[in-house]
Amino acid sequence: MHYASEMHFRAGKIILRYIKGTVDYGVKFEKCPSFRLHRFSDSDWVGSVDDMRSTYGH
């Protein structure tokens, strides 16, 4: 943000145009009676501010 250029401004405009064109899109969620969560991982990807690697060990 301190050194924004014309290229950044153009990229921002492209993103805003995309968002404007997709405001009618949506995500549909349906109830699934047979859903089972088998595994879950809560990795801490920003715990290390030096290299932003996972502090979980992977």
C-alpha atoms as a PDB file:
ATOM      1  CA  MET A   1       0.000   0.000   0.000  1.00  0.00           C
ATOM      2  CA  HIS A   2       2.953   2.334   0.479  1.00  0.00           C
ATOM      3  CA  TYR A   3       4.185   1.882  -3.092  1.00  0.00           C
ATOM      4  CA  ALA A   4       0.996   1.312  -5.061  1.00  0.00           C
ATOM      5  CA  SER A   5       1.456   1.730  -8.788  1.00  0.00           C
ATOM      6  CA  GLU A   6      -0.710   1.941 -11.900  1.00  0.00           C
ATOM      7  CA  MET A   7      -0.377  -1.843 -12.228  1.00  0.00           C
ATOM      8  CA  HIS A   8      -1.885  -2.324  -8.748  1.00  0.00           C
ATOM      9  CA  PHE A   9      -4.735   0.039  -9.599  1.00  0.00           C
ATOM     10  CA  ARG A  10      -5.507  -1.885 -12.799  1.00  0.00           C
ATOM     11  CA  ALA A  11      -5.431  -5.210 -10.950  1.00  0.00           C
ATOM     12  CA  GLY A  12      -7.828  -3.807  -8.351  1.00  0.00           C
ATOM     13  CA  LYS A  13     -10.203  -2.657 -11.076  1.00  0.00           C
ATOM     14  CA  ILE A  14     -10.173  -6.103 -12.663  1.00  0.00           C
ATOM     15  CA  ILE A  15     -11.017  -7.710  -9.325  1.00  0.00           C
ATOM     16  CA  LEU A  16     -13.846  -5.254  -8.675  1.00  0.00           C
ATOM     17  CA  ARG A  17     -15.282  -5.845 -12.159  1.00  0.00           C
ATOM     18  CA  TYR A  18     -15.191  -9.583 -11.545  1.00  0.00           C
ATOM     19  CA  ILE A  19     -16.974  -9.220  -8.213  1.00  0.00           C
ATOM     20  CA  LYS A  20     -19.577  -6.920  -9.768  1.00  0.00           C
ATOM     21  CA  GLY A  21     -20.286  -9.509 -12.458  1.00  0.00           C
ATOM     22  CA  THR A  22     -20.693 -12.376  -9.991  1.00  0.00           C
ATOM     23  CA  VAL A  23     -22.892 -10.820  -7.295  1.00  0.00           C
ATOM     24  CA  ASP A  24     -25.793 -13.087  -8.284  1.00  0.00           C
ATOM     25  CA  TYR A  25     -23.717 -16.233  -7.832  1.00  0.00           C
ATOM     26  CA  GLY A  26     -24.142 -18.138  -4.615  1.00  0.00           C
ATOM     27  CA  VAL A  27     -23.233 -21.208  -2.664  1.00  0.00           C
ATOM     28  CA  LYS A  28     -25.880 -23.797  -1.998  1.00  0.00           C
ATOM     29  CA  PHE A  29     -25.705 -25.812   1.203  1.00  0.00           C
ATOM     30  CA  GLU A  30     -27.839 -28.885   1.649  1.00  0.00           C
ATOM     31  CA  LYS A  31     -28.285 -31.135   4.642  1.00  0.00           C
ATOM     32  CA  CYS A  32     -26.595 -34.489   4.151  1.00  0.00           C
ATOM     33  CA  PRO A  33     -27.827 -37.142   6.618  1.00  0.00           C
ATOM     34  CA  SER A  34     -24.980 -39.565   5.869  1.00  0.00           C
ATOM     35  CA  PHE A  35     -22.106 -37.096   6.329  1.00  0.00           C
ATOM     36  CA  ARG A  36     -19.240 -38.283   8.519  1.00  0.00           C
ATOM     37  CA  LEU A  37     -16.079 -36.298   9.193  1.00  0.00           C
ATOM     38  CA  HIS A  38     -13.228 -38.797   9.192  1.00  0.00           C
ATOM     39  CA  ARG A  39     -10.233 -36.519   9.758  1.00  0.00           C
ATOM     40  CA  PHE A  40      -9.615 -32.955  10.762  1.00  0.00           C
ATOM     41  CA  SER A  41      -6.462 -30.898  10.919  1.00  0.00           C
ATOM     42  CA  ASP A  42      -6.142 -27.435  12.389  1.00  0.00           C
ATOM     43  CA  SER A  43      -2.739 -26.332  11.122  1.00  0.00           C
ATOM     44  CA  ASP A  44      -1.181 -23.128  12.352  1.00  0.00           C
ATOM     45  CA  TRP A  45       0.214 -21.695   9.098  1.00  0.00           C
ATOM     46  CA  VAL A  46       1.105 -18.265  10.431  1.00  0.00           C
ATOM     47  CA  GLY A  47       2.512 -19.220  13.787  1.00  0.00           C
ATOM     48  CA  SER A  48       6.016 -18.580  12.475  1.00  0.00           C
ATOM     49  CA  VAL A  49       6.266 -15.009  11.249  1.00  0.00           C
ATOM     50  CA  ASP A  50       9.752 -15.591   9.823  1.00  0.00           C
ATOM     51  CA  ASP A  51       8.923 -18.112   7.108  1.00  0.00           C
ATOM     52  CA  MET A  52       5.118 -18.636   7.394  1.00  0.00           C
ATOM     53  CA  ARG A  53       5.603 -22.407   7.463  1.00  0.00           C
ATOM     54  CA  SER A  54       3.348 -24.652   9.442  1.00  0.00           C
ATOM     55  CA  THR A  55       4.312 -24.907  13.100  1.00  0.00           C
ATOM     56  CA  TYR A  56       2.585 -28.313  13.194  1.00  0.00           C
ATOM     57  CA  GLY A  57       5.654 -29.919  11.661  1.00  0.00           C
ATOM     58  CA  HIS A  58       4.588 -30.543   8.058  1.00  0.00           C
END
